[in-house]
Amino acid sequence: MALHDKVVKLRTQRMEEGGSPVPNTLQSVSKDKIRQVLARLDLDSNVDLVDGVFALLDDQTASWFSKAPAGAKFCHGATTAHLACHIGILQRGNGKLDREGRDYWIKPLRELGGIEPILLHDGVFIHGHVVAKSPNSSYRLADDFKAILQASDDQWPNMLANWASYAAARQRREFQAETAKASRHLIDTGHSGLIQASIKHYAARFLPGYEVIYVDDGDGDRITDEDREKLTRAGIELQLGDAMPDVLLWNPETDRLWVIEAVTSDGEVDLHKVNQLTALAKRCGKTGLDFTTTYRTWKETAARQGAYRNVAVGSYIWIQEDPSKHFRVESFE
């Protein structure tokens, strides 16, 4: 059953049983308390963020992961899609939120360390989005922020002031970076290495004149200030819903773009991706764009294309173990 339908069914079932789709409080925290705390951070006007934090307190609903740890609840880890459905459907009785709106209902607290990135890997939640674009990339509330929400009225203001200080925020970022680094040692997908090889070897050899203006070599969640500066210089104005590839390059002389998708599990340059990024290029007035799908080995290339045959006509394929050439995909149909 699709997630949307599953959540609609859950809401209907709870209401038919005479209850509310969600309690007034979760882990002893009400939405009003969340608003009070967020007001001190100038975030209380963000109603989606209020409801998102409330969702991440949900210890009454079983995890929506099909392979979640035994006994896991929603609060232990929720994807962007999970949160979009919890807020939009379970809480509000409407449609799920647009997942691209995560800039508004995840990012503000994530930047402060109140929301942590985690990954469901082999039945365990580990810290960090260490597999790029993984469907198991998730979020949960940080314990110290949750403690502020649960604290008494005479305690939480001082707790929040200490938590929100520059030094405390810096320490949280350092801690999260270290824990994510440790998580990466547990998982070696090779995706990051292929991205770097695609830049260092493929782009350097086959794409002279092109500059790298964006690299999605992490969790893919959002664009850094440095990325944004490069994109602005290239005349790329992003809008909500724009798809971003693993690597985006720009040729200043021709004002043309080149897209690279590094594939270790999925994510080839298919027709859908071509259409999405072509629309972006046209809107930004670019003279055109080209595409390359890169793989690590011939074996992986054959396995993927033998099963899916989804690489778009007119795009290129480059294979890391055979780096001296790339192949253009043509069709006689």
C-alpha atoms as a PDB file:
ATOM      1  CA  MET A   1       0.000   0.000   0.000  1.00  0.00           C
ATOM      2  CA  ALA A   2       1.312   3.461  -0.914  1.00  0.00           C
ATOM      3  CA  LEU A   3       2.350   5.676   1.988  1.00  0.00           C
ATOM      4  CA  HIS A   4      -0.338   8.242   1.207  1.00  0.00           C
ATOM      5  CA  ASP A   5      -3.081   5.624   1.307  1.00  0.00           C
ATOM      6  CA  LYS A   6      -1.633   4.040   4.436  1.00  0.00           C
ATOM      7  CA  VAL A   7      -1.747   7.338   6.320  1.00  0.00           C
ATOM      8  CA  VAL A   8      -5.268   8.154   5.111  1.00  0.00           C
ATOM      9  CA  LYS A   9      -6.384   4.726   6.342  1.00  0.00           C
ATOM     10  CA  LEU A  10      -4.696   5.285   9.708  1.00  0.00           C
ATOM     11  CA  ARG A  11      -6.384   8.654  10.195  1.00  0.00           C
ATOM     12  CA  THR A  12      -9.788   7.245   9.232  1.00  0.00           C
ATOM     13  CA  GLN A  13      -9.347   4.256  11.552  1.00  0.00           C
ATOM     14  CA  ARG A  14      -8.448   6.441  14.519  1.00  0.00           C
ATOM     15  CA  MET A  15     -11.417   8.721  13.948  1.00  0.00           C
ATOM     16  CA  GLU A  16     -13.833   5.812  13.529  1.00  0.00           C
ATOM     17  CA  GLU A  17     -12.621   4.451  16.845  1.00  0.00           C
ATOM     18  CA  GLY A  18     -13.747   7.683  18.454  1.00  0.00           C
ATOM     19  CA  GLY A  19     -10.319   9.141  18.973  1.00  0.00           C
ATOM     20  CA  SER A  20      -8.287  11.964  17.516  1.00  0.00           C
ATOM     21  CA  PRO A  21      -5.895  11.363  14.607  1.00  0.00           C
ATOM     22  CA  VAL A  22      -3.143  12.648  16.915  1.00  0.00           C
ATOM     23  CA  PRO A  23      -3.205  13.353  20.678  1.00  0.00           C
ATOM     24  CA  ASN A  24      -3.107  16.883  22.052  1.00  0.00           C
ATOM     25  CA  THR A  25       0.318  16.158  23.496  1.00  0.00           C
ATOM     26  CA  LEU A  26       3.116  13.834  22.496  1.00  0.00           C
ATOM     27  CA  GLN A  27       5.816  12.964  25.017  1.00  0.00           C
ATOM     28  CA  SER A  28       4.109  15.544  27.289  1.00  0.00           C
ATOM     29  CA  VAL A  29       4.637  18.319  24.738  1.00  0.00           C
ATOM     30  CA  SER A  30       1.816  20.317  23.139  1.00  0.00           C
ATOM     31  CA  LYS A  31       1.921  22.343  19.946  1.00  0.00           C
ATOM     32  CA  ASP A  32       1.481  25.466  22.044  1.00  0.00           C
ATOM     33  CA  LYS A  33       4.653  24.594  23.966  1.00  0.00           C
ATOM     34  CA  ILE A  34       6.493  24.071  20.674  1.00  0.00           C
ATOM     35  CA  ARG A  35       5.337  27.490  19.469  1.00  0.00           C
ATOM     36  CA  GLN A  36       6.558  29.108  22.687  1.00  0.00           C
ATOM     37  CA  VAL A  37       9.999  27.564  22.324  1.00  0.00           C
ATOM     38  CA  LEU A  38      10.268  28.352  18.628  1.00  0.00           C
ATOM     39  CA  ALA A  39       9.185  31.939  19.310  1.00  0.00           C
ATOM     40  CA  ARG A  40      12.445  32.469  21.221  1.00  0.00           C
ATOM     41  CA  LEU A  41      14.229  31.405  18.025  1.00  0.00           C
ATOM     42  CA  ASP A  42      12.009  33.627  15.815  1.00  0.00           C
ATOM     43  CA  LEU A  43      10.569  30.516  14.199  1.00  0.00           C
ATOM     44  CA  ASP A  44       7.058  30.396  15.690  1.00  0.00           C
ATOM     45  CA  SER A  45       5.394  31.827  12.557  1.00  0.00           C
ATOM     46  CA  ASN A  46       6.481  28.727  10.627  1.00  0.00           C
ATOM     47  CA  VAL A  47       3.391  26.558  11.169  1.00  0.00           C
ATOM     48  CA  ASP A  48       4.821  23.692   9.135  1.00  0.00           C
ATOM     49  CA  LEU A  49       7.868  23.610  11.393  1.00  0.00           C
ATOM     50  CA  VAL A  50       5.653  23.551  14.493  1.00  0.00           C
ATOM     51  CA  ASP A  51       3.734  20.589  13.124  1.00  0.00           C
ATOM     52  CA  GLY A  52       6.956  18.949  11.953  1.00  0.00           C
ATOM     53  CA  VAL A  53       8.461  19.091  15.433  1.00  0.00           C
ATOM     54  CA  PHE A  54       5.205  17.709  16.828  1.00  0.00           C
ATOM     55  CA  ALA A  55       5.389  14.833  14.331  1.00  0.00           C
ATOM     56  CA  LEU A  56       8.951  14.037  15.438  1.00  0.00           C
ATOM     57  CA  LEU A  57       7.646  13.639  18.986  1.00  0.00           C
ATOM     58  CA  ASP A  58       5.172  10.951  17.901  1.00  0.00           C
ATOM     59  CA  ASP A  59       5.871   7.911  20.051  1.00  0.00           C
ATOM     60  CA  GLN A  60       2.308   6.618  19.634  1.00  0.00           C
ATOM     61  CA  THR A  61       2.584   5.694  15.960  1.00  0.00           C
ATOM     62  CA  ALA A  62       4.644   2.757  14.761  1.00  0.00           C
ATOM     63  CA  SER A  63       7.477   3.536  12.365  1.00  0.00           C
ATOM     64  CA  TRP A  64       6.441   3.808   8.735  1.00  0.00           C
ATOM     65  CA  PHE A  65       9.593   2.079   7.516  1.00  0.00           C
ATOM     66  CA  SER A  66       8.860  -1.401   6.211  1.00  0.00           C
ATOM     67  CA  LYS A  67      12.130  -2.682   7.712  1.00  0.00           C
ATOM     68  CA  ALA A  68      12.247  -0.590  10.874  1.00  0.00           C
ATOM     69  CA  PRO A  69      13.911  -1.909  14.050  1.00  0.00           C
ATOM     70  CA  ALA A  70      11.599  -3.936  16.281  1.00  0.00           C
ATOM     71  CA  GLY A  71       9.356  -1.650  18.295  1.00  0.00           C
ATOM     72  CA  ALA A  72      10.465   1.506  16.472  1.00  0.00           C
ATOM     73  CA  LYS A  73       8.112   4.468  16.571  1.00  0.00           C
ATOM     74  CA  PHE A  74       7.697   7.410  14.217  1.00  0.00           C
ATOM     75  CA  CYS A  75       9.829   9.599  16.500  1.00  0.00           C
ATOM     76  CA  HIS A  76      12.839   7.306  16.122  1.00  0.00           C
ATOM     77  CA  GLY A  77      13.297   8.295  12.487  1.00  0.00           C
ATOM     78  CA  ALA A  78      11.108   9.782   9.758  1.00  0.00           C
ATOM     79  CA  THR A  79      11.868  10.576   6.129  1.00  0.00           C
ATOM     80  CA  THR A  80      10.842  13.770   4.382  1.00  0.00           C
ATOM     81  CA  ALA A  81       7.937  11.865   2.819  1.00  0.00           C
ATOM     82  CA  HIS A  82       6.900  10.496   6.217  1.00  0.00           C
ATOM     83  CA  LEU A  83       6.855  14.000   7.677  1.00  0.00           C
ATOM     84  CA  ALA A  84       4.979  15.390   4.668  1.00  0.00           C
ATOM     85  CA  CYS A  85       2.238  12.800   5.195  1.00  0.00           C
ATOM     86  CA  HIS A  86       2.177  13.077   8.993  1.00  0.00           C
ATOM     87  CA  ILE A  87       1.721  16.857   8.836  1.00  0.00           C
ATOM     88  CA  GLY A  88      -0.533  17.116   5.822  1.00  0.00           C
ATOM     89  CA  ILE A  89      -2.694  14.021   6.197  1.00  0.00           C
ATOM     90  CA  LEU A  90      -2.573  12.647   9.751  1.00  0.00           C
ATOM     91  CA  GLN A  91      -2.543  15.988  11.554  1.00  0.00           C
ATOM     92  CA  ARG A  92      -4.470  18.233   9.153  1.00  0.00           C
ATOM     93  CA  GLY A  93      -6.644  15.872   7.128  1.00  0.00           C
ATOM     94  CA  ASN A  94      -5.443  17.368   3.841  1.00  0.00           C
ATOM     95  CA  GLY A  95      -2.990  16.208   1.214  1.00  0.00           C
ATOM     96  CA  LYS A  96       0.663  15.589   2.026  1.00  0.00           C
ATOM     97  CA  LEU A  97       2.985  18.570   1.979  1.00  0.00           C
ATOM     98  CA  ASP A  98       5.242  19.206  -0.995  1.00  0.00           C
ATOM     99  CA  ARG A  99       8.469  17.441  -0.018  1.00  0.00           C
ATOM    100  CA  GLU A 100      10.512  20.283  -1.493  1.00  0.00           C
ATOM    101  CA  GLY A 101       9.132  22.474   1.264  1.00  0.00           C
ATOM    102  CA  ARG A 102      11.550  20.817   3.653  1.00  0.00           C
ATOM    103  CA  ASP A 103      13.539  24.061   3.475  1.00  0.00           C
ATOM    104  CA  TYR A 104      10.790  25.480   5.665  1.00  0.00           C
ATOM    105  CA  TRP A 105       9.846  22.604   7.943  1.00  0.00           C
ATOM    106  CA  ILE A 106      13.183  20.836   8.468  1.00  0.00           C
ATOM    107  CA  LYS A 107      16.077  23.106   7.558  1.00  0.00           C
ATOM    108  CA  PRO A 108      15.666  25.911  10.171  1.00  0.00           C
ATOM    109  CA  LEU A 109      16.020  23.551  13.141  1.00  0.00           C
ATOM    110  CA  ARG A 110      18.483  21.280  11.400  1.00  0.00           C
ATOM    111  CA  GLU A 111      20.866  24.201  10.968  1.00  0.00           C
ATOM    112  CA  LEU A 112      20.653  24.834  14.716  1.00  0.00           C
ATOM    113  CA  GLY A 113      21.119  21.168  15.571  1.00  0.00           C
ATOM    114  CA  GLY A 114      17.595  20.658  16.917  1.00  0.00           C
ATOM    115  CA  ILE A 115      16.806  18.153  14.168  1.00  0.00           C
ATOM    116  CA  GLU A 116      19.387  15.471  13.418  1.00  0.00           C
ATOM    117  CA  PRO A 117      19.960  13.675  10.116  1.00  0.00           C
ATOM    118  CA  ILE A 118      19.966   9.890  10.473  1.00  0.00           C
ATOM    119  CA  LEU A 119      19.929   6.861   8.194  1.00  0.00           C
ATOM    120  CA  LEU A 120      18.198   3.516   8.513  1.00  0.00           C
ATOM    121  CA  HIS A 121      20.935   1.027   7.641  1.00  0.00           C
ATOM    122  CA  ASP A 122      20.639  -2.741   8.085  1.00  0.00           C
ATOM    123  CA  GLY A 123      17.763  -2.313  10.527  1.00  0.00           C
ATOM    124  CA  VAL A 124      19.535   0.281  12.683  1.00  0.00           C
ATOM    125  CA  PHE A 125      19.324   4.083  12.760  1.00  0.00           C
ATOM    126  CA  ILE A 126      22.800   5.619  12.451  1.00  0.00           C
ATOM    127  CA  HIS A 127      23.820   9.262  12.459  1.00  0.00           C
ATOM    128  CA  GLY A 128      24.150  11.295   9.302  1.00  0.00           C
ATOM    129  CA  HIS A 129      22.899  11.103   5.739  1.00  0.00           C
ATOM    130  CA  VAL A 130      25.939   9.138   4.693  1.00  0.00           C
ATOM    131  CA  VAL A 131      24.414   7.530   1.603  1.00  0.00           C
ATOM    132  CA  ALA A 132      23.600  10.236  -0.923  1.00  0.00           C
ATOM    133  CA  LYS A 133      19.934  10.378  -1.970  1.00  0.00           C
ATOM    134  CA  SER A 134      19.071   7.267   0.018  1.00  0.00           C
ATOM    135  CA  PRO A 135      15.323   6.678   0.502  1.00  0.00           C
ATOM    136  CA  ASN A 136      16.245   5.736   4.081  1.00  0.00           C
ATOM    137  CA  SER A 137      17.643   9.174   4.938  1.00  0.00           C
ATOM    138  CA  SER A 138      15.604  10.376   7.892  1.00  0.00           C
ATOM    139  CA  TYR A 139      15.306  12.858  10.733  1.00  0.00           C
ATOM    140  CA  ARG A 140      14.720  12.873  14.472  1.00  0.00           C
ATOM    141  CA  LEU A 141      14.755  15.445  17.255  1.00  0.00           C
ATOM    142  CA  ALA A 142      18.051  15.897  19.049  1.00  0.00           C
ATOM    143  CA  ASP A 143      17.835  14.753  22.663  1.00  0.00           C
ATOM    144  CA  ASP A 144      18.960  18.097  24.084  1.00  0.00           C
ATOM    145  CA  PHE A 145      16.322  19.995  22.103  1.00  0.00           C
ATOM    146  CA  LYS A 146      13.661  17.493  23.107  1.00  0.00           C
ATOM    147  CA  ALA A 147      14.665  18.021  26.750  1.00  0.00           C
ATOM    148  CA  ILE A 148      13.975  21.751  26.345  1.00  0.00           C
ATOM    149  CA  LEU A 149      10.496  21.030  24.973  1.00  0.00           C
ATOM    150  CA  GLN A 150       9.784  18.714  27.901  1.00  0.00           C
ATOM    151  CA  ALA A 151      11.183  21.016  30.599  1.00  0.00           C
ATOM    152  CA  SER A 152       8.964  22.965  32.994  1.00  0.00           C
ATOM    153  CA  ASP A 153       7.995  26.564  32.304  1.00  0.00           C
ATOM    154  CA  ASP A 154      10.498  27.904  34.806  1.00  0.00           C
ATOM    155  CA  GLN A 155      13.360  25.856  33.369  1.00  0.00           C
ATOM    156  CA  TRP A 156      13.134  25.785  29.578  1.00  0.00           C
ATOM    157  CA  PRO A 157      13.902  29.493  28.832  1.00  0.00           C
ATOM    158  CA  ASN A 158      17.366  29.290  30.429  1.00  0.00           C
ATOM    159  CA  MET A 159      17.955  25.863  28.898  1.00  0.00           C
ATOM    160  CA  LEU A 160      17.078  27.235  25.458  1.00  0.00           C
ATOM    161  CA  ALA A 161      19.301  30.304  25.875  1.00  0.00           C
ATOM    162  CA  ASN A 162      22.292  28.090  26.669  1.00  0.00           C
ATOM    163  CA  TRP A 163      21.410  25.684  23.872  1.00  0.00           C
ATOM    164  CA  ALA A 164      21.088  28.446  21.287  1.00  0.00           C
ATOM    165  CA  SER A 165      24.388  30.135  22.111  1.00  0.00           C
ATOM    166  CA  TYR A 166      27.040  30.290  19.398  1.00  0.00           C
ATOM    167  CA  ALA A 167      29.460  28.062  21.299  1.00  0.00           C
ATOM    168  CA  ALA A 168      26.846  25.376  21.916  1.00  0.00           C
ATOM    169  CA  ALA A 169      25.704  25.435  18.289  1.00  0.00           C
ATOM    170  CA  ARG A 170      29.303  25.107  17.086  1.00  0.00           C
ATOM    171  CA  GLN A 171      29.895  22.154  19.404  1.00  0.00           C
ATOM    172  CA  ARG A 172      26.772  20.430  18.094  1.00  0.00           C
ATOM    173  CA  ARG A 173      27.889  20.890  14.496  1.00  0.00           C
ATOM    174  CA  GLU A 174      31.313  19.493  15.316  1.00  0.00           C
ATOM    175  CA  PHE A 175      29.771  16.533  17.119  1.00  0.00           C
ATOM    176  CA  GLN A 176      27.393  15.814  14.261  1.00  0.00           C
ATOM    177  CA  ALA A 177      30.253  15.991  11.767  1.00  0.00           C
ATOM    178  CA  GLU A 178      32.282  13.515  13.800  1.00  0.00           C
ATOM    179  CA  THR A 179      29.394  11.092  14.235  1.00  0.00           C
ATOM    180  CA  ALA A 180      28.573  11.275  10.523  1.00  0.00           C
ATOM    181  CA  LYS A 181      32.227  10.551   9.759  1.00  0.00           C
ATOM    182  CA  ALA A 182      32.074   7.495  12.000  1.00  0.00           C
ATOM    183  CA  SER A 183      28.903   6.364  10.241  1.00  0.00           C
ATOM    184  CA  ARG A 184      30.609   6.587   6.867  1.00  0.00           C
ATOM    185  CA  HIS A 185      33.115   4.007   7.998  1.00  0.00           C
ATOM    186  CA  LEU A 186      30.176   1.621   8.441  1.00  0.00           C
ATOM    187  CA  ILE A 187      28.945   2.202   4.906  1.00  0.00           C
ATOM    188  CA  ASP A 188      31.045   2.293   1.793  1.00  0.00           C
ATOM    189  CA  THR A 189      28.752   2.648  -1.192  1.00  0.00           C
ATOM    190  CA  GLY A 190      31.458   4.070  -3.420  1.00  0.00           C
ATOM    191  CA  HIS A 191      29.045   6.789  -4.540  1.00  0.00           C
ATOM    192  CA  SER A 192      31.173   9.631  -3.183  1.00  0.00           C
ATOM    193  CA  GLY A 193      34.293   8.168  -4.766  1.00  0.00           C
ATOM    194  CA  LEU A 194      32.576   7.862  -8.140  1.00  0.00           C
ATOM    195  CA  ILE A 195      31.409  11.469  -7.963  1.00  0.00           C
ATOM    196  CA  GLN A 196      34.959  12.637  -7.288  1.00  0.00           C
ATOM    197  CA  ALA A 197      36.334  10.433 -10.082  1.00  0.00           C
ATOM    198  CA  SER A 198      33.706  11.838 -12.432  1.00  0.00           C
ATOM    199  CA  ILE A 199      34.993  15.328 -11.685  1.00  0.00           C
ATOM    200  CA  LYS A 200      38.724  14.612 -11.478  1.00  0.00           C
ATOM    201  CA  HIS A 201      39.031  12.237 -14.413  1.00  0.00           C
ATOM    202  CA  TYR A 202      35.955  12.415 -16.639  1.00  0.00           C
ATOM    203  CA  ALA A 203      35.195  16.138 -16.572  1.00  0.00           C
ATOM    204  CA  ALA A 204      38.871  17.084 -16.670  1.00  0.00           C
ATOM    205  CA  ARG A 205      39.444  14.979 -19.801  1.00  0.00           C
ATOM    206  CA  PHE A 206      36.195  15.271 -21.726  1.00  0.00           C
ATOM    207  CA  LEU A 207      34.727  18.622 -20.656  1.00  0.00           C
ATOM    208  CA  PRO A 208      37.396  21.299 -21.178  1.00  0.00           C
ATOM    209  CA  GLY A 209      36.157  24.791 -20.412  1.00  0.00           C
ATOM    210  CA  TYR A 210      33.528  23.599 -17.954  1.00  0.00           C
ATOM    211  CA  GLU A 211      33.544  24.642 -14.287  1.00  0.00           C
ATOM    212  CA  VAL A 212      31.964  22.655 -11.470  1.00  0.00           C
ATOM    213  CA  ILE A 213      29.266  24.844  -9.922  1.00  0.00           C
ATOM    214  CA  TYR A 214      27.448  22.276  -7.772  1.00  0.00           C
ATOM    215  CA  VAL A 215      28.283  18.886  -6.266  1.00  0.00           C
ATOM    216  CA  ASP A 216      25.781  16.740  -4.363  1.00  0.00           C
ATOM    217  CA  ASP A 217      28.306  14.654  -2.459  1.00  0.00           C
ATOM    218  CA  GLY A 218      26.527  14.453   0.878  1.00  0.00           C
ATOM    219  CA  ASP A 219      22.908  13.913   1.871  1.00  0.00           C
ATOM    220  CA  GLY A 220      21.518  15.955  -0.983  1.00  0.00           C
ATOM    221  CA  ASP A 221      19.316  17.897   1.415  1.00  0.00           C
ATOM    222  CA  ARG A 222      20.173  21.436   0.493  1.00  0.00           C
ATOM    223  CA  ILE A 223      22.504  23.859  -1.275  1.00  0.00           C
ATOM    224  CA  THR A 224      25.356  25.506   0.618  1.00  0.00           C
ATOM    225  CA  ASP A 225      26.125  29.221   0.481  1.00  0.00           C
ATOM    226  CA  GLU A 226      29.227  28.419  -1.576  1.00  0.00           C
ATOM    227  CA  ASP A 227      27.126  26.428  -4.046  1.00  0.00           C
ATOM    228  CA  ARG A 228      24.640  29.277  -4.267  1.00  0.00           C
ATOM    229  CA  GLU A 229      27.377  31.802  -5.061  1.00  0.00           C
ATOM    230  CA  LYS A 230      28.678  29.635  -7.917  1.00  0.00           C
ATOM    231  CA  LEU A 231      25.170  29.037  -9.241  1.00  0.00           C
ATOM    232  CA  THR A 232      24.401  32.752  -9.131  1.00  0.00           C
ATOM    233  CA  ARG A 233      27.592  33.541 -11.041  1.00  0.00           C
ATOM    234  CA  ALA A 234      26.486  31.014 -13.668  1.00  0.00           C
ATOM    235  CA  GLY A 235      23.049  32.620 -13.882  1.00  0.00           C
ATOM    236  CA  ILE A 236      21.207  29.703 -12.294  1.00  0.00           C
ATOM    237  CA  GLU A 237      18.219  30.781 -10.230  1.00  0.00           C
ATOM    238  CA  LEU A 238      16.740  27.847  -8.338  1.00  0.00           C
ATOM    239  CA  GLN A 239      13.081  27.484  -7.535  1.00  0.00           C
ATOM    240  CA  LEU A 240      11.216  25.168  -5.202  1.00  0.00           C
ATOM    241  CA  GLY A 241      10.983  21.784  -6.862  1.00  0.00           C
ATOM    242  CA  ASP A 242      14.045  22.103  -9.114  1.00  0.00           C
ATOM    243  CA  ALA A 243      15.961  18.835  -9.356  1.00  0.00           C
ATOM    244  CA  MET A 244      19.715  18.948  -8.813  1.00  0.00           C
ATOM    245  CA  PRO A 245      22.134  16.324 -10.169  1.00  0.00           C
ATOM    246  CA  ASP A 246      25.215  14.804  -8.559  1.00  0.00           C
ATOM    247  CA  VAL A 247      27.410  17.256 -10.478  1.00  0.00           C
ATOM    248  CA  LEU A 248      26.429  20.372 -12.409  1.00  0.00           C
ATOM    249  CA  LEU A 249      28.996  22.101 -14.642  1.00  0.00           C
ATOM    250  CA  TRP A 250      28.905  25.349 -16.599  1.00  0.00           C
ATOM    251  CA  ASN A 251      30.919  26.613 -19.551  1.00  0.00           C
ATOM    252  CA  PRO A 252      31.302  30.422 -19.190  1.00  0.00           C
ATOM    253  CA  GLU A 253      32.231  30.867 -22.854  1.00  0.00           C
ATOM    254  CA  THR A 254      29.266  29.011 -24.334  1.00  0.00           C
ATOM    255  CA  ASP A 255      26.865  29.468 -21.376  1.00  0.00           C
ATOM    256  CA  ARG A 256      26.073  25.773 -21.655  1.00  0.00           C
ATOM    257  CA  LEU A 257      25.488  23.317 -18.788  1.00  0.00           C
ATOM    258  CA  TRP A 258      26.584  19.717 -18.331  1.00  0.00           C
ATOM    259  CA  VAL A 259      24.993  17.272 -15.901  1.00  0.00           C
ATOM    260  CA  ILE A 260      26.691  14.213 -14.406  1.00  0.00           C
ATOM    261  CA  GLU A 261      24.832  11.491 -12.511  1.00  0.00           C
ATOM    262  CA  ALA A 262      27.093   8.987 -10.728  1.00  0.00           C
ATOM    263  CA  VAL A 263      25.329   5.644 -10.373  1.00  0.00           C
ATOM    264  CA  THR A 264      26.185   2.958  -7.848  1.00  0.00           C
ATOM    265  CA  SER A 265      22.636   1.808  -7.158  1.00  0.00           C
ATOM    266  CA  ASP A 266      20.232   3.919  -9.219  1.00  0.00           C
ATOM    267  CA  GLY A 267      19.732   7.437 -10.589  1.00  0.00           C
ATOM    268  CA  GLU A 268      20.735   7.317 -14.258  1.00  0.00           C
ATOM    269  CA  VAL A 269      20.125  10.203 -16.638  1.00  0.00           C
ATOM    270  CA  ASP A 270      16.700   9.059 -17.812  1.00  0.00           C
ATOM    271  CA  LEU A 271      14.043  10.911 -19.813  1.00  0.00           C
ATOM    272  CA  HIS A 272      12.388  12.304 -16.691  1.00  0.00           C
ATOM    273  CA  LYS A 273      15.668  13.774 -15.457  1.00  0.00           C
ATOM    274  CA  VAL A 274      16.407  15.216 -18.894  1.00  0.00           C
ATOM    275  CA  ASN A 275      13.018  16.944 -18.959  1.00  0.00           C
ATOM    276  CA  GLN A 276      13.419  18.339 -15.433  1.00  0.00           C
ATOM    277  CA  LEU A 277      16.853  19.798 -16.009  1.00  0.00           C
ATOM    278  CA  THR A 278      16.084  20.990 -19.526  1.00  0.00           C
ATOM    279  CA  ALA A 279      13.254  23.061 -18.077  1.00  0.00           C
ATOM    280  CA  LEU A 280      15.686  24.554 -15.547  1.00  0.00           C
ATOM    281  CA  ALA A 281      18.228  25.387 -18.257  1.00  0.00           C
ATOM    282  CA  LYS A 282      15.617  27.015 -20.510  1.00  0.00           C
ATOM    283  CA  ARG A 283      14.167  29.057 -17.667  1.00  0.00           C
ATOM    284  CA  CYS A 284      17.637  30.373 -16.809  1.00  0.00           C
ATOM    285  CA  GLY A 285      18.393  31.238 -20.435  1.00  0.00           C
ATOM    286  CA  LYS A 286      21.191  28.712 -20.948  1.00  0.00           C
ATOM    287  CA  THR A 287      22.201  27.876 -24.516  1.00  0.00           C
ATOM    288  CA  GLY A 288      21.769  24.164 -23.857  1.00  0.00           C
ATOM    289  CA  LEU A 289      22.878  21.269 -21.707  1.00  0.00           C
ATOM    290  CA  ASP A 290      24.304  17.779 -21.997  1.00  0.00           C
ATOM    291  CA  PHE A 291      24.228  14.727 -19.777  1.00  0.00           C
ATOM    292  CA  THR A 292      26.495  11.902 -18.665  1.00  0.00           C
ATOM    293  CA  THR A 293      25.761   8.857 -16.520  1.00  0.00           C
ATOM    294  CA  THR A 294      28.888   7.442 -14.885  1.00  0.00           C
ATOM    295  CA  TYR A 295      29.456   3.944 -13.490  1.00  0.00           C
ATOM    296  CA  ARG A 296      32.334   2.322 -11.636  1.00  0.00           C
ATOM    297  CA  THR A 297      32.702  -0.871 -13.697  1.00  0.00           C
ATOM    298  CA  TRP A 298      31.529  -2.519 -16.899  1.00  0.00           C
ATOM    299  CA  LYS A 299      29.887  -5.191 -14.763  1.00  0.00           C
ATOM    300  CA  GLU A 300      27.772  -2.659 -12.892  1.00  0.00           C
ATOM    301  CA  THR A 301      26.927  -0.878 -16.142  1.00  0.00           C
ATOM    302  CA  ALA A 302      25.759  -4.115 -17.736  1.00  0.00           C
ATOM    303  CA  ALA A 303      23.763  -5.123 -14.670  1.00  0.00           C
ATOM    304  CA  ARG A 304      21.909  -1.817 -14.541  1.00  0.00           C
ATOM    305  CA  GLN A 305      21.315  -1.384 -18.249  1.00  0.00           C
ATOM    306  CA  GLY A 306      20.601  -5.050 -18.819  1.00  0.00           C
ATOM    307  CA  ALA A 307      17.745  -4.723 -16.354  1.00  0.00           C
ATOM    308  CA  TYR A 308      16.459  -1.182 -16.949  1.00  0.00           C
ATOM    309  CA  ARG A 309      17.817   0.240 -20.239  1.00  0.00           C
ATOM    310  CA  ASN A 310      16.814   3.671 -19.008  1.00  0.00           C
ATOM    311  CA  VAL A 311      19.695   5.925 -20.080  1.00  0.00           C
ATOM    312  CA  ALA A 312      18.312   8.770 -22.178  1.00  0.00           C
ATOM    313  CA  VAL A 313      19.041   8.926 -25.884  1.00  0.00           C
ATOM    314  CA  GLY A 314      21.514  11.683 -26.686  1.00  0.00           C
ATOM    315  CA  SER A 315      23.296  11.430 -23.336  1.00  0.00           C
ATOM    316  CA  TYR A 316      26.690   9.885 -22.586  1.00  0.00           C
ATOM    317  CA  ILE A 317      28.013   6.994 -20.484  1.00  0.00           C
ATOM    318  CA  TRP A 318      31.452   6.938 -18.838  1.00  0.00           C
ATOM    319  CA  ILE A 319      32.900   3.960 -16.946  1.00  0.00           C
ATOM    320  CA  GLN A 320      35.526   4.561 -14.289  1.00  0.00           C
ATOM    321  CA  GLU A 321      37.475   1.351 -14.905  1.00  0.00           C
ATOM    322  CA  ASP A 322      37.680   2.175 -18.643  1.00  0.00           C
ATOM    323  CA  PRO A 323      38.251   5.939 -18.343  1.00  0.00           C
ATOM    324  CA  SER A 324      39.820   6.818 -21.690  1.00  0.00           C
ATOM    325  CA  LYS A 325      36.532   6.970 -23.600  1.00  0.00           C
ATOM    326  CA  HIS A 326      32.873   7.815 -23.190  1.00  0.00           C
ATOM    327  CA  PHE A 327      29.925   6.589 -25.182  1.00  0.00           C
ATOM    328  CA  ARG A 328      27.038   8.525 -26.704  1.00  0.00           C
ATOM    329  CA  VAL A 329      23.655   6.837 -26.524  1.00  0.00           C
ATOM    330  CA  GLU A 330      21.996   6.807 -29.939  1.00  0.00           C
ATOM    331  CA  SER A 331      18.695   5.409 -31.223  1.00  0.00           C
ATOM    332  CA  PHE A 332      17.559   4.296 -34.646  1.00  0.00           C
ATOM    333  CA  GLU A 333      13.887   4.472 -33.766  1.00  0.00           C
END
